[in-house]
Amino acid sequence: MAAARRDIAPFLQRVRAFLLGREHTVALRFEDGLADRTQPPPEIPDGPSHVYSANYYCSRDARRGVNPPIDLVQQHKLLGAESEAAASKAGSKLPTPGKVYGWD
């Protein structure tokens, strides 16, 4: 059985209804007046800010990822120059990472 709703005495309810000119709506929320919470939780895909590690504020701000437009002709010329330079350094040693920190 649901708990009785709290309100003023019945006589005062009628006086209040007469003075208001309508039935008063009680602003209190009771369990029998609420919707059931039987729906399943939503399945929302993970976003870019879902991961906790390395989730800094400046990297979450999407406005910081916007760059000015790229000149494709200039970029193509730069790539051609880089590939020629890489072909001339084919015999050089590849870069290796620095000293690894053992955190265990």
C-alpha atoms as a PDB file:
ATOM      1  CA  MET A   1       0.000   0.000   0.000  1.00  0.00           C
ATOM      2  CA  ALA A   2       1.325   3.425  -0.911  1.00  0.00           C
ATOM      3  CA  ALA A   3       1.980   5.997   1.771  1.00  0.00           C
ATOM      4  CA  ALA A   4      -0.685   8.647   2.260  1.00  0.00           C
ATOM      5  CA  ARG A   5       0.021  11.897   0.472  1.00  0.00           C
ATOM      6  CA  ARG A   6       0.793  14.778   2.819  1.00  0.00           C
ATOM      7  CA  ASP A   7      -1.494  17.792   2.513  1.00  0.00           C
ATOM      8  CA  ILE A   8      -3.612  20.050   4.696  1.00  0.00           C
ATOM      9  CA  ALA A   9      -6.927  19.057   6.309  1.00  0.00           C
ATOM     10  CA  PRO A  10      -9.889  18.375   3.942  1.00  0.00           C
ATOM     11  CA  PHE A  11     -11.825  21.449   5.139  1.00  0.00           C
ATOM     12  CA  LEU A  12      -8.833  23.692   4.431  1.00  0.00           C
ATOM     13  CA  GLN A  13      -8.416  22.011   1.024  1.00  0.00           C
ATOM     14  CA  ARG A  14     -11.954  23.106   0.082  1.00  0.00           C
ATOM     15  CA  VAL A  15     -11.321  26.651   1.353  1.00  0.00           C
ATOM     16  CA  ARG A  16      -8.094  26.773  -0.639  1.00  0.00           C
ATOM     17  CA  ALA A  17      -9.849  25.498  -3.777  1.00  0.00           C
ATOM     18  CA  PHE A  18     -12.568  28.154  -3.360  1.00  0.00           C
ATOM     19  CA  LEU A  19     -10.070  30.966  -2.908  1.00  0.00           C
ATOM     20  CA  LEU A  20      -7.874  29.812  -5.788  1.00  0.00           C
ATOM     21  CA  GLY A  21     -10.810  29.123  -8.094  1.00  0.00           C
ATOM     22  CA  ARG A  22      -9.273  25.767  -9.044  1.00  0.00           C
ATOM     23  CA  GLU A  23      -7.886  22.613  -7.484  1.00  0.00           C
ATOM     24  CA  HIS A  24      -4.426  23.098  -6.009  1.00  0.00           C
ATOM     25  CA  THR A  25      -1.629  20.954  -7.484  1.00  0.00           C
ATOM     26  CA  VAL A  26       0.652  19.682  -4.747  1.00  0.00           C
ATOM     27  CA  ALA A  27       4.290  20.210  -5.714  1.00  0.00           C
ATOM     28  CA  LEU A  28       5.517  17.306  -3.595  1.00  0.00           C
ATOM     29  CA  ARG A  29       6.680  14.192  -5.433  1.00  0.00           C
ATOM     30  CA  PHE A  30       5.363  10.886  -4.189  1.00  0.00           C
ATOM     31  CA  GLU A  31       6.394   7.443  -5.399  1.00  0.00           C
ATOM     32  CA  ASP A  32       3.013   6.476  -6.802  1.00  0.00           C
ATOM     33  CA  GLY A  33       2.948   9.648  -8.938  1.00  0.00           C
ATOM     34  CA  LEU A  34       6.310   9.040 -10.609  1.00  0.00           C
ATOM     35  CA  ALA A  35       7.103   6.983 -13.689  1.00  0.00           C
ATOM     36  CA  ASP A  36       8.654   3.554 -13.246  1.00  0.00           C
ATOM     37  CA  ARG A  37      12.428   3.320 -13.739  1.00  0.00           C
ATOM     38  CA  THR A  38      12.322   0.051 -15.655  1.00  0.00           C
ATOM     39  CA  GLN A  39      13.868   1.259 -18.902  1.00  0.00           C
ATOM     40  CA  PRO A  40      17.396   0.018 -19.724  1.00  0.00           C
ATOM     41  CA  PRO A  41      20.299   2.458 -19.574  1.00  0.00           C
ATOM     42  CA  PRO A  42      21.221   4.048 -22.934  1.00  0.00           C
ATOM     43  CA  GLU A  43      24.003   2.559 -25.028  1.00  0.00           C
ATOM     44  CA  ILE A  44      26.060   5.593 -25.991  1.00  0.00           C
ATOM     45  CA  PRO A  45      29.300   5.045 -27.932  1.00  0.00           C
ATOM     46  CA  ASP A  46      32.527   6.157 -26.295  1.00  0.00           C
ATOM     47  CA  GLY A  47      33.756   9.557 -27.367  1.00  0.00           C
ATOM     48  CA  PRO A  48      37.201  11.107 -27.548  1.00  0.00           C
ATOM     49  CA  SER A  49      37.009  12.211 -23.895  1.00  0.00           C
ATOM     50  CA  HIS A  50      36.021   8.770 -22.598  1.00  0.00           C
ATOM     51  CA  VAL A  51      39.552   7.554 -21.861  1.00  0.00           C
ATOM     52  CA  TYR A  52      40.842   8.752 -18.489  1.00  0.00           C
ATOM     53  CA  SER A  53      44.575   8.650 -19.160  1.00  0.00           C
ATOM     54  CA  ALA A  54      46.058  11.655 -20.949  1.00  0.00           C
ATOM     55  CA  ASN A  55      42.642  13.352 -20.997  1.00  0.00           C
ATOM     56  CA  TYR A  56      43.784  16.918 -20.534  1.00  0.00           C
ATOM     57  CA  TYR A  57      41.469  19.899 -20.863  1.00  0.00           C
ATOM     58  CA  CYS A  58      43.388  21.447 -23.733  1.00  0.00           C
ATOM     59  CA  SER A  59      43.158  18.230 -25.753  1.00  0.00           C
ATOM     60  CA  ARG A  60      39.398  17.892 -25.124  1.00  0.00           C
ATOM     61  CA  ASP A  61      38.630  21.299 -26.575  1.00  0.00           C
ATOM     62  CA  ALA A  62      37.657  20.657 -30.210  1.00  0.00           C
ATOM     63  CA  ARG A  63      38.234  24.290 -31.171  1.00  0.00           C
ATOM     64  CA  ARG A  64      41.984  23.802 -30.668  1.00  0.00           C
ATOM     65  CA  GLY A  65      42.067  21.097 -33.345  1.00  0.00           C
ATOM     66  CA  VAL A  66      40.974  23.468 -36.111  1.00  0.00           C
ATOM     67  CA  ASN A  67      43.754  24.597 -38.441  1.00  0.00           C
ATOM     68  CA  PRO A  68      43.785  26.997 -41.391  1.00  0.00           C
ATOM     69  CA  PRO A  69      43.231  25.490 -44.859  1.00  0.00           C
ATOM     70  CA  ILE A  70      46.162  23.690 -46.513  1.00  0.00           C
ATOM     71  CA  ASP A  71      47.585  24.618 -49.917  1.00  0.00           C
ATOM     72  CA  LEU A  72      47.703  21.207 -51.634  1.00  0.00           C
ATOM     73  CA  VAL A  73      50.107  22.280 -54.382  1.00  0.00           C
ATOM     74  CA  GLN A  74      52.646  23.532 -51.842  1.00  0.00           C
ATOM     75  CA  GLN A  75      52.254  20.381 -49.735  1.00  0.00           C
ATOM     76  CA  HIS A  76      52.816  18.190 -52.803  1.00  0.00           C
ATOM     77  CA  LYS A  77      56.034  20.078 -53.580  1.00  0.00           C
ATOM     78  CA  LEU A  78      57.233  19.648 -49.974  1.00  0.00           C
ATOM     79  CA  LEU A  79      56.531  15.914 -50.052  1.00  0.00           C
ATOM     80  CA  GLY A  80      58.472  15.533 -53.285  1.00  0.00           C
ATOM     81  CA  ALA A  81      61.469  17.377 -51.781  1.00  0.00           C
ATOM     82  CA  GLU A  82      61.328  15.241 -48.614  1.00  0.00           C
ATOM     83  CA  SER A  83      61.208  11.986 -50.569  1.00  0.00           C
ATOM     84  CA  GLU A  84      64.295  13.038 -52.556  1.00  0.00           C
ATOM     85  CA  ALA A  85      66.133  13.902 -49.336  1.00  0.00           C
ATOM     86  CA  ALA A  86      65.116  10.569 -47.784  1.00  0.00           C
ATOM     87  CA  ALA A  87      66.368   8.685 -50.834  1.00  0.00           C
ATOM     88  CA  SER A  88      69.781  10.334 -50.470  1.00  0.00           C
ATOM     89  CA  LYS A  89      69.946   9.347 -46.752  1.00  0.00           C
ATOM     90  CA  ALA A  90      68.891   5.725 -47.307  1.00  0.00           C
ATOM     91  CA  GLY A  91      72.127   4.395 -45.841  1.00  0.00           C
ATOM     92  CA  SER A  92      71.841   6.358 -42.574  1.00  0.00           C
ATOM     93  CA  LYS A  93      70.869   4.764 -39.259  1.00  0.00           C
ATOM     94  CA  LEU A  94      67.196   4.921 -38.197  1.00  0.00           C
ATOM     95  CA  PRO A  95      66.363   6.923 -35.057  1.00  0.00           C
ATOM     96  CA  THR A  96      65.783   4.973 -31.845  1.00  0.00           C
ATOM     97  CA  PRO A  97      63.898   5.993 -28.731  1.00  0.00           C
ATOM     98  CA  GLY A  98      65.704   7.300 -25.680  1.00  0.00           C
ATOM     99  CA  LYS A  99      66.241   5.624 -22.320  1.00  0.00           C
ATOM    100  CA  VAL A 100      63.110   3.843 -21.057  1.00  0.00           C
ATOM    101  CA  TYR A 101      61.935   4.624 -17.536  1.00  0.00           C
ATOM    102  CA  GLY A 102      61.121   1.452 -15.533  1.00  0.00           C
ATOM    103  CA  TRP A 103      58.090   2.445 -13.456  1.00  0.00           C
ATOM    104  CA  ASP A 104      57.363  -1.026 -12.067  1.00  0.00           C
END
